[in-house]
């Protein structure tokens, strides 16, 4: 009975469809691992011999040369001229698929048996390396229009919203927000100054009323006139009312805008750590001591970053840091 299929690890394969080298390797593997499958071995070897006779002379061993899967009969050292025409993802995939099939045929667990076989494997390695470069070049070419589009989108975006970027001017929206922010800040500072003036006026009136109430209370404690006692109580109630009014003015926040679903703008404190002359002198001394200006500059930047982090919290501002003072700036937000 004639055997027509090879039962390998991937299932039954029609021997007539196999390339010569694959058939020869499969036969060699069966001879090592399953010599009783003589029908498959003989059919595989016969097919390998036919393929070798049709396409290329065989080596003294049973392995066929690279080319059993229909590339050129002999593969010379690849040159730029040979690989350059392969362009486009589909063509590259076909080329790589052929090379990977060849790699799988060679890397089947059977050691190389001759210098000729080693030379062919070395050539296959170079072809795969070239193929990897072709894959990378193809990917780069396919990504090019996308990268250009992303860069164009980024340029458009920066034109409006860029802020404090190196070598990129601030965007139009950023500039407009900064300018309008200064306008809003000026107005809110004006309102806050007026609030502080009203608070001071209310506090003065409350203090005067409290002093009058205390005097009336002292008089009421010794008088036998009910009217005097009632007057003292009225003055005390008025003083308490004025005190609460002053406290309310002190706690009030100035604001602008708001409504229509928008959050109102208020004055917000922004703190920064500003180096003092003491810190500058200390750094000059450190630079002289270290003898390394670059290291001293790095250390100075590290200390500045620490100070910037510390000044952002109320707890950090509660204690002074030598060489710095805390600066508060109120801005609309």
Protein backbone atom coordinates (compact mmCIF):
# COMPACT_ATOMS: atom_id res chain seq x y z
CA UNK A 1 0.00 0.00 0.00
CA UNK A 2 1.42 3.36 -1.03
CA UNK A 3 1.81 5.90 1.80
CA UNK A 4 0.73 9.42 0.80
CA UNK A 5 0.70 11.31 4.11
CA UNK A 6 3.22 12.08 6.83
CA UNK A 7 1.78 12.17 10.35
CA UNK A 8 3.85 14.80 12.11
CA UNK A 9 3.39 16.89 15.24
CA UNK A 10 1.05 19.25 13.36
CA UNK A 11 -1.15 16.47 11.98
CA UNK A 12 -1.29 14.64 8.67
CA UNK A 13 0.49 16.36 5.77
CA UNK A 14 0.33 15.21 2.16
CA UNK A 15 3.88 14.24 1.26
CA UNK A 16 3.52 15.45 -2.32
CA UNK A 17 2.97 19.02 -1.05
CA UNK A 18 6.12 19.08 1.12
CA UNK A 19 9.32 20.76 -0.01
CA UNK A 20 12.30 18.47 -0.49
CA UNK A 21 14.32 19.53 2.53
CA UNK A 22 11.31 19.26 4.85
CA UNK A 23 10.61 15.75 3.55
CA UNK A 24 14.23 14.70 4.02
CA UNK A 25 14.30 16.04 7.57
CA UNK A 26 11.01 14.35 8.42
CA UNK A 27 12.39 11.04 7.11
CA UNK A 28 15.58 11.43 9.17
CA UNK A 29 13.52 12.17 12.27
CA UNK A 30 11.38 9.06 11.76
CA UNK A 31 14.47 6.91 11.34
CA UNK A 32 15.71 8.13 14.70
CA UNK A 33 12.45 8.09 16.64
CA UNK A 34 10.07 5.69 14.82
CA UNK A 35 12.03 3.36 12.50
CA UNK A 36 9.04 1.01 12.30
CA UNK A 37 7.14 3.54 10.15
CA UNK A 38 8.97 2.30 7.08
CA UNK A 39 6.22 3.22 4.63
CA UNK A 40 6.31 6.92 5.59
CA UNK A 41 10.13 6.91 5.66
CA UNK A 42 10.45 5.46 2.17
CA UNK A 43 7.77 7.77 0.76
CA UNK A 44 9.41 10.84 2.32
CA UNK A 45 12.90 9.90 1.09
CA UNK A 46 11.63 9.20 -2.40
CA UNK A 47 9.84 12.55 -2.53
CA UNK A 48 12.93 14.35 -1.20
CA UNK A 49 15.07 12.71 -3.89
CA UNK A 50 12.65 13.75 -6.64
CA UNK A 51 12.53 17.34 -5.39
CA UNK A 52 16.31 17.49 -5.09
CA UNK A 53 16.75 16.21 -8.63
CA UNK A 54 14.30 18.79 -9.98
CA UNK A 55 15.65 21.87 -8.21
CA UNK A 56 19.28 21.46 -7.16
CA UNK A 57 22.05 18.95 -6.60
CA UNK A 58 21.88 17.41 -3.16
CA UNK A 59 24.65 17.47 -0.61
CA UNK A 60 26.38 14.22 0.37
CA UNK A 61 23.89 14.10 3.26
CA UNK A 62 20.13 13.83 3.05
CA UNK A 63 19.48 17.52 3.80
CA UNK A 64 18.46 19.58 0.80
CA UNK A 65 19.82 23.07 0.14
CA UNK A 66 17.93 26.26 1.01
CA UNK A 67 15.40 26.75 -1.72
CA UNK A 68 13.14 23.78 -1.30
CA UNK A 69 10.18 26.09 -0.73
CA UNK A 70 10.64 27.64 -4.21
CA UNK A 71 13.13 30.49 -3.68
CA UNK A 72 16.21 30.44 -6.02
CA UNK A 73 17.96 27.11 -6.29
CA UNK A 74 21.15 28.52 -4.74
CA UNK A 75 21.13 31.34 -2.21
CA UNK A 76 24.19 33.55 -2.39
CA UNK A 77 25.23 36.07 0.22
CA UNK A 78 22.36 38.64 0.20
CA UNK A 79 23.12 42.06 -1.22
CA UNK A 80 21.31 45.37 -1.01
CA UNK A 81 20.28 44.98 -4.64
CA UNK A 82 18.56 41.70 -3.87
CA UNK A 83 16.51 42.93 -0.93
CA UNK A 84 15.77 46.50 -2.04
CA UNK A 85 12.90 45.61 -4.43
CA UNK A 86 10.94 44.00 -1.56
CA UNK A 87 8.70 46.83 -0.41
CA UNK A 88 5.26 47.03 1.11
CA UNK A 89 3.90 45.05 4.02
CA UNK A 90 2.41 42.21 1.92
CA UNK A 91 5.63 41.56 -0.01
CA UNK A 92 7.73 41.72 3.13
CA UNK A 93 5.39 39.30 4.92
CA UNK A 94 5.66 36.77 2.06
CA UNK A 95 9.45 37.08 2.03
CA UNK A 96 9.69 36.72 5.82
CA UNK A 97 7.27 33.79 5.82
CA UNK A 98 9.50 31.93 3.34
CA UNK A 99 12.58 32.58 5.46
CA UNK A 100 10.83 31.51 8.67
CA UNK A 101 9.73 28.28 6.98
CA UNK A 102 13.36 27.63 6.02
CA UNK A 103 14.44 28.40 9.60
CA UNK A 104 11.88 25.93 10.94
CA UNK A 105 13.09 23.25 8.54
CA UNK A 106 16.70 23.66 9.63
CA UNK A 107 16.00 24.08 13.36
CA UNK A 108 14.37 20.67 13.88
CA UNK A 109 16.71 19.29 16.52
CA UNK A 110 19.09 17.62 13.99
CA UNK A 111 22.69 18.91 14.25
CA UNK A 112 24.52 20.19 11.19
CA UNK A 113 26.55 17.52 9.44
CA UNK A 114 28.77 19.44 7.00
CA UNK A 115 30.43 22.78 6.28
CA UNK A 116 28.06 23.21 3.33
CA UNK A 117 25.06 22.99 5.62
CA UNK A 118 26.67 25.42 8.10
CA UNK A 119 27.32 27.89 5.27
CA UNK A 120 23.69 27.70 4.16
CA UNK A 121 22.45 28.31 7.71
CA UNK A 122 24.81 31.29 8.02
CA UNK A 123 23.37 32.72 4.80
CA UNK A 124 19.86 32.19 6.16
CA UNK A 125 20.84 34.12 9.31
CA UNK A 126 21.95 37.08 7.16
CA UNK A 127 18.74 36.93 5.16
CA UNK A 128 16.66 36.98 8.36
CA UNK A 129 18.68 39.95 9.66
CA UNK A 130 18.02 41.77 6.39
CA UNK A 131 14.34 40.82 6.67
CA UNK A 132 14.19 42.30 10.17
CA UNK A 133 15.54 45.59 8.79
CA UNK A 134 12.93 45.47 6.01
CA UNK A 135 10.18 44.98 8.60
CA UNK A 136 11.46 47.97 10.59
CA UNK A 137 11.79 50.11 7.45
CA UNK A 138 8.28 49.15 6.33
CA UNK A 139 6.85 49.99 9.76
CA UNK A 140 8.66 53.34 9.75
CA UNK A 141 7.27 54.17 6.33
CA UNK A 142 3.73 53.20 7.34
CA UNK A 143 3.98 55.25 10.53
CA UNK A 144 5.35 58.30 8.74
CA UNK A 145 2.00 59.85 7.70
CA UNK A 146 0.58 59.15 11.17
CA UNK A 147 3.59 60.74 12.88
CA UNK A 148 3.35 63.75 10.59
CA UNK A 149 -0.36 64.04 11.38
CA UNK A 150 0.35 63.80 15.13
CA UNK A 151 3.04 66.46 14.83
CA UNK A 152 0.64 68.71 12.92
CA UNK A 153 -2.04 68.20 15.59
CA UNK A 154 0.51 68.99 18.30
CA UNK A 155 1.52 72.21 16.54
CA UNK A 156 -2.14 73.21 16.25
CA UNK A 157 -2.73 72.41 19.92
CA UNK A 158 0.37 74.29 21.11
CA UNK A 159 -0.73 77.31 19.12
CA UNK A 160 -3.60 77.65 21.57
CA UNK A 161 -2.68 75.92 24.86
CA UNK A 162 1.15 75.68 25.09
CA UNK A 163 2.40 76.97 28.43
CA UNK A 164 5.98 77.31 29.63
CA UNK A 165 7.38 74.87 27.06
CA UNK A 166 11.00 75.06 25.97
CA UNK A 167 11.44 76.53 22.49
CA UNK A 168 7.64 76.85 22.09
CA UNK A 169 5.85 80.18 22.58
CA UNK A 170 2.82 80.25 24.85
CA UNK A 171 -0.43 79.56 23.01
CA UNK A 172 -3.09 82.17 22.27
CA UNK A 173 -5.52 80.83 24.89
CA UNK A 174 -2.72 80.70 27.48
CA UNK A 175 -1.81 84.33 26.76
CA UNK A 176 -5.46 85.43 26.82
CA UNK A 177 -6.07 83.65 30.14
CA UNK A 178 -2.99 85.22 31.69
CA UNK A 179 -4.01 88.70 30.53
CA UNK A 180 -7.63 88.36 31.63
CA UNK A 181 -6.41 86.81 34.87
CA UNK A 182 -4.46 89.96 35.63
CA UNK A 183 -7.59 92.03 34.95
CA UNK A 184 -9.67 89.85 37.27
CA UNK A 185 -6.94 89.87 39.91
CA UNK A 186 -6.80 93.67 39.85
CA UNK A 187 -10.56 93.90 40.35
CA UNK A 188 -10.65 91.29 43.12
CA UNK A 189 -7.75 92.94 44.93
CA UNK A 190 -9.68 96.24 44.77
CA UNK A 191 -12.76 94.52 46.24
CA UNK A 192 -10.65 92.84 48.91
CA UNK A 193 -9.06 96.14 49.92
CA UNK A 194 -12.56 97.64 50.23
CA UNK A 195 -13.62 94.64 52.30
CA UNK A 196 -10.63 95.09 54.59
CA UNK A 197 -11.49 98.78 55.02
CA UNK A 198 -15.10 97.90 55.92
CA UNK A 199 -13.83 95.23 58.30
CA UNK A 200 -11.56 97.75 60.03
CA UNK A 201 -14.41 100.28 60.25
CA UNK A 202 -16.80 97.66 61.63
CA UNK A 203 -14.19 96.43 64.10
CA UNK A 204 -13.63 99.99 65.33
CA UNK A 205 -17.36 100.56 65.79
CA UNK A 206 -17.68 97.22 67.59
CA UNK A 207 -14.77 98.08 69.90
CA UNK A 208 -16.28 101.46 70.75
CA UNK A 209 -19.69 99.87 71.39
CA UNK A 210 -18.09 97.18 73.54
CA UNK A 211 -16.25 99.79 75.60
CA UNK A 212 -19.51 101.74 76.12
CA UNK A 213 -21.34 98.52 77.03
CA UNK A 214 -18.71 97.58 79.62
CA UNK A 215 -18.91 101.04 81.19
CA UNK A 216 -22.72 100.81 81.30
CA UNK A 217 -22.49 97.33 82.83
CA UNK A 218 -20.21 98.55 85.59
CA UNK A 219 -22.60 101.40 86.36
CA UNK A 220 -25.58 99.02 86.30
CA UNK A 221 -23.94 96.81 88.91
CA UNK A 222 -24.10 99.63 91.49
CA UNK A 223 -27.23 101.52 90.47
CA UNK A 224 -30.73 101.33 91.90
CA UNK A 225 -32.19 102.69 88.64
CA UNK A 226 -33.83 100.02 86.49
CA UNK A 227 -33.57 102.25 83.43
CA UNK A 228 -29.78 102.33 83.78
CA UNK A 229 -29.65 98.47 83.94
CA UNK A 230 -31.89 98.12 80.89
CA UNK A 231 -29.75 100.66 78.99
CA UNK A 232 -26.62 98.64 79.84
CA UNK A 233 -28.23 95.47 78.52
CA UNK A 234 -29.23 97.20 75.29
CA UNK A 235 -25.69 98.50 74.80
CA UNK A 236 -24.24 95.01 75.41
CA UNK A 237 -26.60 93.49 72.81
CA UNK A 238 -25.67 96.20 70.31
CA UNK A 239 -21.94 95.60 70.91
CA UNK A 240 -22.36 91.84 70.35
CA UNK A 241 -24.22 92.53 67.12
CA UNK A 242 -21.45 94.82 65.88
CA UNK A 243 -18.79 92.26 66.78
CA UNK A 244 -20.59 89.55 64.78
CA UNK A 245 -20.98 91.96 61.87
CA UNK A 246 -17.23 92.70 61.88
CA UNK A 247 -16.44 89.00 62.05
CA UNK A 248 -18.75 88.33 59.10
CA UNK A 249 -17.02 90.99 57.01
CA UNK A 250 -13.63 89.48 57.91
CA UNK A 251 -14.68 85.99 56.79
CA UNK A 252 -16.37 87.09 53.57
CA UNK A 253 -14.64 86.28 50.29
CA UNK A 254 -14.63 88.62 47.36
CA UNK A 255 -15.71 86.99 44.12
CA UNK A 256 -16.63 87.75 40.56
CA UNK A 257 -18.52 85.87 37.89
CA UNK A 258 -20.34 82.65 38.64
CA UNK A 259 -23.80 81.60 37.55
CA UNK A 260 -24.88 79.84 34.37
CA UNK A 261 -23.11 76.72 35.60
CA UNK A 262 -19.72 78.43 35.95
CA UNK A 263 -17.64 78.60 39.11
CA UNK A 264 -17.03 82.12 40.41
CA UNK A 265 -13.52 83.56 40.51
CA UNK A 266 -12.01 84.32 43.90
CA UNK A 267 -8.63 85.40 45.20
CA UNK A 268 -6.33 82.47 45.87
CA UNK A 269 -2.96 82.54 47.58
CA UNK A 270 0.05 81.21 45.65
CA UNK A 271 3.17 80.67 47.75
CA UNK A 272 6.76 80.52 46.56
CA UNK A 273 10.12 80.03 48.27
CA UNK A 274 12.39 82.96 47.49
CA UNK A 275 16.15 82.65 48.23
CA UNK A 276 17.59 85.29 50.52
CA UNK A 277 21.07 86.80 50.52
CA UNK A 278 21.95 84.35 53.29
CA UNK A 279 21.36 81.40 50.97
CA UNK A 280 23.41 82.97 48.19
CA UNK A 281 26.34 83.51 50.52
CA UNK A 282 26.02 79.96 51.84
CA UNK A 283 26.06 78.54 48.30
CA UNK A 284 29.11 80.60 47.36
CA UNK A 285 30.90 79.19 50.38
CA UNK A 286 29.81 75.66 49.47
CA UNK A 287 31.01 76.11 45.89
CA UNK A 288 34.39 77.27 47.12
CA UNK A 289 34.58 74.37 49.57
CA UNK A 290 33.61 71.72 47.00
CA UNK A 291 35.59 73.21 44.16
CA UNK A 292 32.95 71.92 41.76
CA UNK A 293 30.56 74.54 40.41
CA UNK A 294 28.35 72.00 38.58
CA UNK A 295 27.84 69.91 41.72
CA UNK A 296 27.11 73.02 43.77
CA UNK A 297 24.51 74.08 41.17
CA UNK A 298 22.84 70.66 41.30
CA UNK A 299 22.74 70.84 45.10
CA UNK A 300 21.29 74.34 44.94
CA UNK A 301 18.51 73.11 42.61
CA UNK A 302 17.77 70.21 44.95
CA UNK A 303 17.44 72.56 47.93
CA UNK A 304 15.20 74.89 45.89
CA UNK A 305 12.91 71.99 44.96
CA UNK A 306 12.67 71.01 48.62
CA UNK A 307 11.81 74.58 49.59
CA UNK A 308 9.17 74.77 46.81
CA UNK A 309 7.50 71.61 48.09
CA UNK A 310 7.59 72.78 51.68
CA UNK A 311 6.05 76.19 51.04
CA UNK A 312 3.00 74.63 49.36
CA UNK A 313 1.58 73.39 52.68
CA UNK A 314 0.47 75.43 55.66
CA UNK A 315 2.44 73.15 57.96
CA UNK A 316 5.57 73.72 55.87
CA UNK A 317 5.15 77.50 56.04
CA UNK A 318 4.72 77.42 59.82
CA UNK A 319 8.45 77.07 60.35
CA UNK A 320 11.10 79.18 58.67
CA UNK A 321 13.69 77.61 56.39
CA UNK A 322 17.17 79.18 56.59
CA UNK A 323 18.11 80.91 53.35
CA UNK A 324 14.49 81.39 52.17
CA UNK A 325 11.49 83.55 52.87
CA UNK A 326 7.92 82.68 51.98
CA UNK A 327 6.29 84.96 49.39
CA UNK A 328 2.51 85.08 48.99
CA UNK A 329 0.88 86.26 45.79
CA UNK A 330 -2.89 86.49 45.44
CA UNK A 331 -4.32 85.77 42.02
CA UNK A 332 -7.77 85.23 40.58
CA UNK A 333 -8.65 81.58 40.22
